[in-house]
Amino acid sequence: VRYPNELLRILDNGGYIVRLVASDETLIERGSNE
């Protein structure tokens, strides 16, 4: 889930949202990039 309309459609269908929060440093260590 990356965009507001994706999130809203889930909520419109009675759904729940789980947000995973991580620092840039953690994400880059795991293989992402700036």
PDB file of all heavy atoms in Angstrom:
ATOM      1  N   VAL A   1       0.859  -1.187   0.000  1.00  0.00           N
ATOM      2  CA  VAL A   1       0.000   0.000   0.000  1.00  0.00           C
ATOM      3  C   VAL A   1       0.895   1.237   0.000  1.00  0.00           C
ATOM      4  O   VAL A   1       1.612   1.496   0.968  1.00  0.00           O
ATOM      5  CB  VAL A   1      -0.935   0.018   1.224  1.00  0.00           C
ATOM      6  CG1 VAL A   1      -1.836   1.242   1.197  1.00  0.00           C
ATOM      7  CG2 VAL A   1      -1.759  -1.256   1.279  1.00  0.00           C
ATOM      8  N   ARG A   2       0.859   2.007  -1.101  1.00  0.00           N
ATOM      9  CA  ARG A   2       1.794   3.119  -1.261  1.00  0.00           C
ATOM     10  C   ARG A   2       1.121   4.468  -1.528  1.00  0.00           C
ATOM     11  O   ARG A   2       1.754   5.511  -1.369  1.00  0.00           O
ATOM     12  CB  ARG A   2       2.768   2.825  -2.405  1.00  0.00           C
ATOM     13  CG  ARG A   2       3.626   1.595  -2.191  1.00  0.00           C
ATOM     14  CD  ARG A   2       4.561   1.381  -3.365  1.00  0.00           C
ATOM     15  NE  ARG A   2       5.346   0.173  -3.254  1.00  0.00           N
ATOM     16  CZ  ARG A   2       6.482   0.053  -2.592  1.00  0.00           C
ATOM     17  NH1 ARG A   2       6.965   1.119  -1.965  1.00  0.00           N
ATOM     18  NH2 ARG A   2       7.145  -1.088  -2.541  1.00  0.00           N
ATOM     19  N   TYR A   3      -0.143   4.459  -1.965  1.00  0.00           N
ATOM     20  CA  TYR A   3      -0.817   5.700  -2.354  1.00  0.00           C
ATOM     21  C   TYR A   3      -2.119   5.871  -1.565  1.00  0.00           C
ATOM     22  O   TYR A   3      -2.747   4.876  -1.160  1.00  0.00           O
ATOM     23  CB  TYR A   3      -1.110   5.697  -3.853  1.00  0.00           C
ATOM     24  CG  TYR A   3       0.133   5.780  -4.713  1.00  0.00           C
ATOM     25  CD1 TYR A   3       0.749   4.625  -5.193  1.00  0.00           C
ATOM     26  CD2 TYR A   3       0.694   7.014  -5.037  1.00  0.00           C
ATOM     27  CE1 TYR A   3       1.899   4.700  -5.982  1.00  0.00           C
ATOM     28  CE2 TYR A   3       1.830   7.103  -5.819  1.00  0.00           C
ATOM     29  CZ  TYR A   3       2.426   5.940  -6.292  1.00  0.00           C
ATOM     30  OH  TYR A   3       3.560   6.022  -7.058  1.00  0.00           O
ATOM     31  N   PRO A   4      -2.554   7.126  -1.362  1.00  0.00           N
ATOM     32  CA  PRO A   4      -3.773   7.369  -0.580  1.00  0.00           C
ATOM     33  C   PRO A   4      -5.007   6.664  -1.125  1.00  0.00           C
ATOM     34  O   PRO A   4      -5.834   6.178  -0.345  1.00  0.00           O
ATOM     35  CB  PRO A   4      -3.923   8.889  -0.657  1.00  0.00           C
ATOM     36  CG  PRO A   4      -2.530   9.401  -0.808  1.00  0.00           C
ATOM     37  CD  PRO A   4      -1.842   8.397  -1.685  1.00  0.00           C
ATOM     38  N   ASN A   5      -5.171   6.591  -2.455  1.00  0.00           N
ATOM     39  CA  ASN A   5      -6.371   5.945  -2.985  1.00  0.00           C
ATOM     40  C   ASN A   5      -6.370   4.435  -2.729  1.00  0.00           C
ATOM     41  O   ASN A   5      -7.428   3.828  -2.565  1.00  0.00           O
ATOM     42  CB  ASN A   5      -6.545   6.242  -4.479  1.00  0.00           C
ATOM     43  CG  ASN A   5      -5.370   5.801  -5.328  1.00  0.00           C
ATOM     44  OD1 ASN A   5      -4.258   5.619  -4.831  1.00  0.00           O
ATOM     45  ND2 ASN A   5      -5.602   5.647  -6.621  1.00  0.00           N
ATOM     46  N   GLU A   6      -5.182   3.829  -2.683  1.00  0.00           N
ATOM     47  CA  GLU A   6      -5.097   2.407  -2.328  1.00  0.00           C
ATOM     48  C   GLU A   6      -5.531   2.197  -0.884  1.00  0.00           C
ATOM     49  O   GLU A   6      -6.295   1.264  -0.577  1.00  0.00           O
ATOM     50  CB  GLU A   6      -3.661   1.920  -2.516  1.00  0.00           C
ATOM     51  CG  GLU A   6      -3.180   1.980  -3.953  1.00  0.00           C
ATOM     52  CD  GLU A   6      -1.702   1.712  -4.116  1.00  0.00           C
ATOM     53  OE1 GLU A   6      -0.992   1.575  -3.092  1.00  0.00           O
ATOM     54  OE2 GLU A   6      -1.233   1.645  -5.271  1.00  0.00           O
ATOM     55  N   LEU A   7      -5.075   3.078  -0.017  1.00  0.00           N
ATOM     56  CA  LEU A   7      -5.432   2.998   1.400  1.00  0.00           C
ATOM     57  C   LEU A   7      -6.932   3.214   1.611  1.00  0.00           C
ATOM     58  O   LEU A   7      -7.584   2.463   2.349  1.00  0.00           O
ATOM     59  CB  LEU A   7      -4.616   4.020   2.183  1.00  0.00           C
ATOM     60  CG  LEU A   7      -4.799   4.077   3.702  1.00  0.00           C
ATOM     61  CD1 LEU A   7      -3.472   4.434   4.363  1.00  0.00           C
ATOM     62  CD2 LEU A   7      -5.840   5.128   4.080  1.00  0.00           C
ATOM     63  N   LEU A   8      -7.480   4.226   0.941  1.00  0.00           N
ATOM     64  CA  LEU A   8      -8.901   4.537   1.121  1.00  0.00           C
ATOM     65  C   LEU A   8      -9.795   3.398   0.633  1.00  0.00           C
ATOM     66  O   LEU A   8     -10.837   3.131   1.234  1.00  0.00           O
ATOM     67  CB  LEU A   8      -9.244   5.833   0.392  1.00  0.00           C
ATOM     68  CG  LEU A   8      -8.671   7.106   1.013  1.00  0.00           C
ATOM     69  CD1 LEU A   8      -8.910   8.306   0.096  1.00  0.00           C
ATOM     70  CD2 LEU A   8      -9.273   7.357   2.391  1.00  0.00           C
ATOM     71  N   ARG A   9      -9.403   2.727  -0.445  1.00  0.00           N
ATOM     72  CA  ARG A   9     -10.217   1.608  -0.922  1.00  0.00           C
ATOM     73  C   ARG A   9     -10.241   0.469   0.106  1.00  0.00           C
ATOM     74  O   ARG A   9     -11.278  -0.190   0.292  1.00  0.00           O
ATOM     75  CB  ARG A   9      -9.675   1.097  -2.253  1.00  0.00           C
ATOM     76  CG  ARG A   9     -10.500  -0.039  -2.872  1.00  0.00           C
ATOM     77  CD  ARG A   9     -11.915   0.404  -3.220  1.00  0.00           C
ATOM     78  NE  ARG A   9     -11.923   1.401  -4.267  1.00  0.00           N
ATOM     79  CZ  ARG A   9     -12.006   1.107  -5.570  1.00  0.00           C
ATOM     80  NH1 ARG A   9     -12.101  -0.150  -5.971  1.00  0.00           N
ATOM     81  NH2 ARG A   9     -12.013   2.084  -6.453  1.00  0.00           N
ATOM     82  N   ILE A  10      -9.118   0.249   0.768  1.00  0.00           N
ATOM     83  CA  ILE A  10      -9.068  -0.771   1.815  1.00  0.00           C
ATOM     84  C   ILE A  10      -9.990  -0.399   2.968  1.00  0.00           C
ATOM     85  O   ILE A  10     -10.776  -1.224   3.459  1.00  0.00           O
ATOM     86  CB  ILE A  10      -7.622  -0.958   2.312  1.00  0.00           C
ATOM     87  CG1 ILE A  10      -6.784  -1.623   1.216  1.00  0.00           C
ATOM     88  CG2 ILE A  10      -7.583  -1.803   3.592  1.00  0.00           C
ATOM     89  CD1 ILE A  10      -5.297  -1.620   1.499  1.00  0.00           C
ATOM     90  N   LEU A  11      -9.933   0.855   3.395  1.00  0.00           N
ATOM     91  CA  LEU A  11     -10.786   1.308   4.488  1.00  0.00           C
ATOM     92  C   LEU A  11     -12.263   1.265   4.098  1.00  0.00           C
ATOM     93  O   LEU A  11     -13.120   0.934   4.913  1.00  0.00           O
ATOM     94  CB  LEU A  11     -10.397   2.721   4.911  1.00  0.00           C
ATOM     95  CG  LEU A  11      -9.013   2.879   5.545  1.00  0.00           C
ATOM     96  CD1 LEU A  11      -8.731   4.350   5.820  1.00  0.00           C
ATOM     97  CD2 LEU A  11      -8.900   2.054   6.824  1.00  0.00           C
ATOM     98  N   ASP A  12     -12.562   1.593   2.846  1.00  0.00           N
ATOM     99  CA  ASP A  12     -13.953   1.542   2.363  1.00  0.00           C
ATOM    100  C   ASP A  12     -14.505   0.120   2.410  1.00  0.00           C
ATOM    101  O   ASP A  12     -15.731  -0.068   2.455  1.00  0.00           O
ATOM    102  CB  ASP A  12     -14.037   2.059   0.919  1.00  0.00           C
ATOM    103  CG  ASP A  12     -13.871   3.570   0.838  1.00  0.00           C
ATOM    104  OD1 ASP A  12     -13.970   4.236   1.894  1.00  0.00           O
ATOM    105  OD2 ASP A  12     -13.624   4.078  -0.277  1.00  0.00           O
ATOM    106  N   ASN A  13     -13.608  -0.854   2.383  1.00  0.00           N
ATOM    107  CA  ASN A  13     -14.029  -2.260   2.470  1.00  0.00           C
ATOM    108  C   ASN A  13     -13.852  -2.824   3.881  1.00  0.00           C
ATOM    109  O   ASN A  13     -13.728  -4.042   4.061  1.00  0.00           O
ATOM    110  CB  ASN A  13     -13.238  -3.097   1.456  1.00  0.00           C
ATOM    111  CG  ASN A  13     -13.767  -2.942   0.044  1.00  0.00           C
ATOM    112  OD1 ASN A  13     -14.687  -3.637  -0.377  1.00  0.00           O
ATOM    113  ND2 ASN A  13     -13.203  -1.989  -0.687  1.00  0.00           N
ATOM    114  N   GLY A  14     -13.837  -1.928   4.862  1.00  0.00           N
ATOM    115  CA  GLY A  14     -13.782  -2.358   6.257  1.00  0.00           C
ATOM    116  C   GLY A  14     -12.436  -2.847   6.709  1.00  0.00           C
ATOM    117  O   GLY A  14     -12.334  -3.572   7.705  1.00  0.00           O
ATOM    118  N   GLY A  15     -11.359  -2.446   6.014  1.00  0.00           N
ATOM    119  CA  GLY A  15     -10.036  -2.986   6.293  1.00  0.00           C
ATOM    120  C   GLY A  15      -9.269  -2.273   7.379  1.00  0.00           C
ATOM    121  O   GLY A  15      -9.715  -1.264   7.949  1.00  0.00           O
ATOM    122  N   TYR A  16      -8.096  -2.804   7.643  1.00  0.00           N
ATOM    123  CA  TYR A  16      -7.183  -2.275   8.655  1.00  0.00           C
ATOM    124  C   TYR A  16      -5.833  -1.996   8.009  1.00  0.00           C
ATOM    125  O   TYR A  16      -5.453  -2.638   7.032  1.00  0.00           O
ATOM    126  CB  TYR A  16      -7.012  -3.274   9.800  1.00  0.00           C
ATOM    127  CG  TYR A  16      -8.324  -3.695  10.411  1.00  0.00           C
ATOM    128  CD1 TYR A  16      -8.972  -4.848   9.963  1.00  0.00           C
ATOM    129  CD2 TYR A  16      -8.917  -2.939  11.412  1.00  0.00           C
ATOM    130  CE1 TYR A  16     -10.192  -5.230  10.504  1.00  0.00           C
ATOM    131  CE2 TYR A  16     -10.135  -3.320  11.959  1.00  0.00           C
ATOM    132  CZ  TYR A  16     -10.767  -4.464  11.506  1.00  0.00           C
ATOM    133  OH  TYR A  16     -11.977  -4.833  12.031  1.00  0.00           O
ATOM    134  N   ILE A  17      -5.099  -1.044   8.599  1.00  0.00           N
ATOM    135  CA  ILE A  17      -3.825  -0.625   8.041  1.00  0.00           C
ATOM    136  C   ILE A  17      -2.699  -0.889   9.046  1.00  0.00           C
ATOM    137  O   ILE A  17      -2.793  -0.509  10.210  1.00  0.00           O
ATOM    138  CB  ILE A  17      -3.833   0.874   7.674  1.00  0.00           C
ATOM    139  CG1 ILE A  17      -4.935   1.168   6.648  1.00  0.00           C
ATOM    140  CG2 ILE A  17      -2.468   1.301   7.141  1.00  0.00           C
ATOM    141  CD1 ILE A  17      -4.766   0.447   5.320  1.00  0.00           C
ATOM    142  N   VAL A  18      -1.651  -1.532   8.557  1.00  0.00           N
ATOM    143  CA  VAL A  18      -0.434  -1.745   9.346  1.00  0.00           C
ATOM    144  C   VAL A  18       0.681  -0.924   8.705  1.00  0.00           C
ATOM    145  O   VAL A  18       0.979  -1.101   7.522  1.00  0.00           O
ATOM    146  CB  VAL A  18      -0.038  -3.229   9.374  1.00  0.00           C
ATOM    147  CG1 VAL A  18       1.301  -3.415  10.081  1.00  0.00           C
ATOM    148  CG2 VAL A  18      -1.119  -4.059  10.046  1.00  0.00           C
ATOM    149  N   ARG A  19       1.256  -0.019   9.458  1.00  0.00           N
ATOM    150  CA  ARG A  19       2.336   0.834   8.941  1.00  0.00           C
ATOM    151  C   ARG A  19       3.657   0.423   9.566  1.00  0.00           C
ATOM    152  O   ARG A  19       3.807   0.439  10.789  1.00  0.00           O
ATOM    153  CB  ARG A  19       2.052   2.297   9.234  1.00  0.00           C
ATOM    154  CG  ARG A  19       3.166   3.244   8.779  1.00  0.00           C
ATOM    155  CD  ARG A  19       2.741   4.702   8.968  1.00  0.00           C
ATOM    156  NE  ARG A  19       3.786   5.617   8.559  1.00  0.00           N
ATOM    157  CZ  ARG A  19       4.545   6.322   9.410  1.00  0.00           C
ATOM    158  NH1 ARG A  19       4.347   6.220  10.714  1.00  0.00           N
ATOM    159  NH2 ARG A  19       5.476   7.137   8.948  1.00  0.00           N
ATOM    160  N   LEU A  20       4.612   0.034   8.730  1.00  0.00           N
ATOM    161  CA  LEU A  20       5.945  -0.339   9.192  1.00  0.00           C
ATOM    162  C   LEU A  20       6.870   0.863   9.023  1.00  0.00           C
ATOM    163  O   LEU A  20       7.084   1.340   7.911  1.00  0.00           O
ATOM    164  CB  LEU A  20       6.463  -1.533   8.392  1.00  0.00           C
ATOM    165  CG  LEU A  20       5.575  -2.789   8.413  1.00  0.00           C
ATOM    166  CD1 LEU A  20       6.228  -3.909   7.613  1.00  0.00           C
ATOM    167  CD2 LEU A  20       5.274  -3.235   9.834  1.00  0.00           C
ATOM    168  N   VAL A  21       7.401   1.341  10.128  1.00  0.00           N
ATOM    169  CA  VAL A  21       8.228   2.545  10.138  1.00  0.00           C
ATOM    170  C   VAL A  21       9.685   2.151  10.316  1.00  0.00           C
ATOM    171  O   VAL A  21      10.020   1.338  11.179  1.00  0.00           O
ATOM    172  CB  VAL A  21       7.811   3.493  11.276  1.00  0.00           C
ATOM    173  CG1 VAL A  21       8.630   4.776  11.244  1.00  0.00           C
ATOM    174  CG2 VAL A  21       6.318   3.793  11.209  1.00  0.00           C
ATOM    175  N   ALA A  22      10.554   2.729   9.487  1.00  0.00           N
ATOM    176  CA  ALA A  22      11.991   2.462   9.600  1.00  0.00           C
ATOM    177  C   ALA A  22      12.764   3.695   9.181  1.00  0.00           C
ATOM    178  O   ALA A  22      12.325   4.467   8.327  1.00  0.00           O
ATOM    179  CB  ALA A  22      12.387   1.268   8.737  1.00  0.00           C
ATOM    180  N   SER A  23      13.920   3.873   9.769  1.00  0.00           N
ATOM    181  CA  SER A  23      14.780   4.998   9.415  1.00  0.00           C
ATOM    182  C   SER A  23      15.436   4.757   8.062  1.00  0.00           C
ATOM    183  O   SER A  23      15.525   3.616   7.592  1.00  0.00           O
ATOM    184  CB  SER A  23      15.870   5.183  10.479  1.00  0.00           C
ATOM    185  OG  SER A  23      16.735   4.050  10.483  1.00  0.00           O
ATOM    186  N   ASP A  24      15.890   5.831   7.429  1.00  0.00           N
ATOM    187  CA  ASP A  24      16.609   5.693   6.163  1.00  0.00           C
ATOM    188  C   ASP A  24      17.827   4.792   6.332  1.00  0.00           C
ATOM    189  O   ASP A  24      18.140   3.971   5.456  1.00  0.00           O
ATOM    190  CB  ASP A  24      17.068   7.058   5.652  1.00  0.00           C
ATOM    191  CG  ASP A  24      15.919   7.914   5.145  1.00  0.00           C
ATOM    192  OD1 ASP A  24      14.758   7.438   5.166  1.00  0.00           O
ATOM    193  OD2 ASP A  24      16.177   9.059   4.734  1.00  0.00           O
ATOM    194  N   GLU A  25      18.511   4.940   7.465  1.00  0.00           N
ATOM    195  CA  GLU A  25      19.715   4.147   7.701  1.00  0.00           C
ATOM    196  C   GLU A  25      19.404   2.651   7.705  1.00  0.00           C
ATOM    197  O   GLU A  25      20.123   1.843   7.102  1.00  0.00           O
ATOM    198  CB  GLU A  25      20.365   4.548   9.030  1.00  0.00           C
ATOM    199  CG  GLU A  25      20.971   5.944   9.051  1.00  0.00           C
ATOM    200  CD  GLU A  25      19.933   7.053   9.190  1.00  0.00           C
ATOM    201  OE1 GLU A  25      18.745   6.736   9.454  1.00  0.00           O
ATOM    202  OE2 GLU A  25      20.308   8.232   9.030  1.00  0.00           O
ATOM    203  N   THR A  26      18.306   2.281   8.373  1.00  0.00           N
ATOM    204  CA  THR A  26      17.922   0.873   8.426  1.00  0.00           C
ATOM    205  C   THR A  26      17.575   0.343   7.038  1.00  0.00           C
ATOM    206  O   THR A  26      17.993  -0.751   6.646  1.00  0.00           O
ATOM    207  CB  THR A  26      16.718   0.683   9.369  1.00  0.00           C
ATOM    208  OG1 THR A  26      17.105   1.009  10.706  1.00  0.00           O
ATOM    209  CG2 THR A  26      16.217  -0.764   9.335  1.00  0.00           C
ATOM    210  N   LEU A  27      16.815   1.121   6.296  1.00  0.00           N
ATOM    211  CA  LEU A  27      16.381   0.680   4.969  1.00  0.00           C
ATOM    212  C   LEU A  27      17.558   0.553   4.010  1.00  0.00           C
ATOM    213  O   LEU A  27      17.619  -0.394   3.201  1.00  0.00           O
ATOM    214  CB  LEU A  27      15.344   1.654   4.407  1.00  0.00           C
ATOM    215  CG  LEU A  27      14.062   1.781   5.233  1.00  0.00           C
ATOM    216  CD1 LEU A  27      13.144   2.830   4.625  1.00  0.00           C
ATOM    217  CD2 LEU A  27      13.339   0.442   5.347  1.00  0.00           C
ATOM    218  N   ILE A  28      18.501   1.475   4.091  1.00  0.00           N
ATOM    219  CA  ILE A  28      19.686   1.396   3.234  1.00  0.00           C
ATOM    220  C   ILE A  28      20.550   0.200   3.623  1.00  0.00           C
ATOM    221  O   ILE A  28      21.097  -0.504   2.767  1.00  0.00           O
ATOM    222  CB  ILE A  28      20.476   2.719   3.305  1.00  0.00           C
ATOM    223  CG1 ILE A  28      19.670   3.820   2.594  1.00  0.00           C
ATOM    224  CG2 ILE A  28      21.856   2.566   2.651  1.00  0.00           C
ATOM    225  CD1 ILE A  28      20.242   5.211   2.760  1.00  0.00           C
ATOM    226  N   GLU A  29      20.659  -0.060   4.923  1.00  0.00           N
ATOM    227  CA  GLU A  29      21.390  -1.245   5.371  1.00  0.00           C
ATOM    228  C   GLU A  29      20.762  -2.525   4.829  1.00  0.00           C
ATOM    229  O   GLU A  29      21.454  -3.509   4.546  1.00  0.00           O
ATOM    230  CB  GLU A  29      21.412  -1.302   6.902  1.00  0.00           C
ATOM    231  CG  GLU A  29      22.364  -0.323   7.557  1.00  0.00           C
ATOM    232  CD  GLU A  29      22.291  -0.390   9.066  1.00  0.00           C
ATOM    233  OE1 GLU A  29      21.559  -1.284   9.589  1.00  0.00           O
ATOM    234  OE2 GLU A  29      22.945   0.427   9.735  1.00  0.00           O
ATOM    235  N   ARG A  30      19.446  -2.518   4.651  1.00  0.00           N
ATOM    236  CA  ARG A  30      18.733  -3.701   4.157  1.00  0.00           C
ATOM    237  C   ARG A  30      18.759  -3.813   2.633  1.00  0.00           C
ATOM    238  O   ARG A  30      18.226  -4.780   2.088  1.00  0.00           O
ATOM    239  CB  ARG A  30      17.286  -3.672   4.647  1.00  0.00           C
ATOM    240  CG  ARG A  30      17.135  -3.823   6.149  1.00  0.00           C
ATOM    241  CD  ARG A  30      15.659  -3.778   6.536  1.00  0.00           C
ATOM    242  NE  ARG A  30      15.462  -3.964   7.959  1.00  0.00           N
ATOM    243  CZ  ARG A  30      14.259  -4.045   8.542  1.00  0.00           C
ATOM    244  NH1 ARG A  30      13.154  -3.933   7.809  1.00  0.00           N
ATOM    245  NH2 ARG A  30      14.158  -4.212   9.852  1.00  0.00           N
ATOM    246  N   GLY A  31      19.331  -2.815   1.959  1.00  0.00           N
ATOM    247  CA  GLY A  31      19.468  -2.932   0.513  1.00  0.00           C
ATOM    248  C   GLY A  31      18.787  -1.862  -0.310  1.00  0.00           C
ATOM    249  O   GLY A  31      18.854  -1.885  -1.540  1.00  0.00           O
ATOM    250  N   SER A  32      18.106  -0.904   0.344  1.00  0.00           N
ATOM    251  CA  SER A  32      17.510   0.188  -0.414  1.00  0.00           C
ATOM    252  C   SER A  32      18.575   1.233  -0.725  1.00  0.00           C
ATOM    253  O   SER A  32      19.754   1.058  -0.409  1.00  0.00           O
ATOM    254  CB  SER A  32      16.349   0.814   0.369  1.00  0.00           C
ATOM    255  OG  SER A  32      15.668   1.760  -0.424  1.00  0.00           O
ATOM    256  N   ASN A  33      18.168   2.326  -1.355  1.00  0.00           N
ATOM    257  CA  ASN A  33      19.108   3.408  -1.656  1.00  0.00           C
ATOM    258  C   ASN A  33      18.361   4.735  -1.635  1.00  0.00           C
ATOM    259  O   ASN A  33      17.126   4.769  -1.618  1.00  0.00           O
ATOM    260  CB  ASN A  33      19.792   3.179  -3.006  1.00  0.00           C
ATOM    261  CG  ASN A  33      18.804   3.030  -4.145  1.00  0.00           C
ATOM    262  OD1 ASN A  33      18.084   3.967  -4.495  1.00  0.00           O
ATOM    263  ND2 ASN A  33      18.746   1.833  -4.733  1.00  0.00           N
ATOM    264  N   GLU A  34      19.110   5.827  -1.635  1.00  0.00           N
ATOM    265  CA  GLU A  34      18.502   7.146  -1.496  1.00  0.00           C
ATOM    266  C   GLU A  34      17.570   7.475  -2.661  1.00  0.00           C
ATOM    267  O   GLU A  34      16.529   8.105  -2.471  1.00  0.00           O
ATOM    268  CB  GLU A  34      19.602   8.210  -1.382  1.00  0.00           C
ATOM    269  CG  GLU A  34      20.405   8.104  -0.084  1.00  0.00           C
ATOM    270  CD  GLU A  34      21.452   9.194   0.026  1.00  0.00           C
ATOM    271  OE1 GLU A  34      21.580  10.000  -0.929  1.00  0.00           O
ATOM    272  OE2 GLU A  34      22.133   9.252   1.071  1.00  0.00           O
TER     273      GLU A  34
END
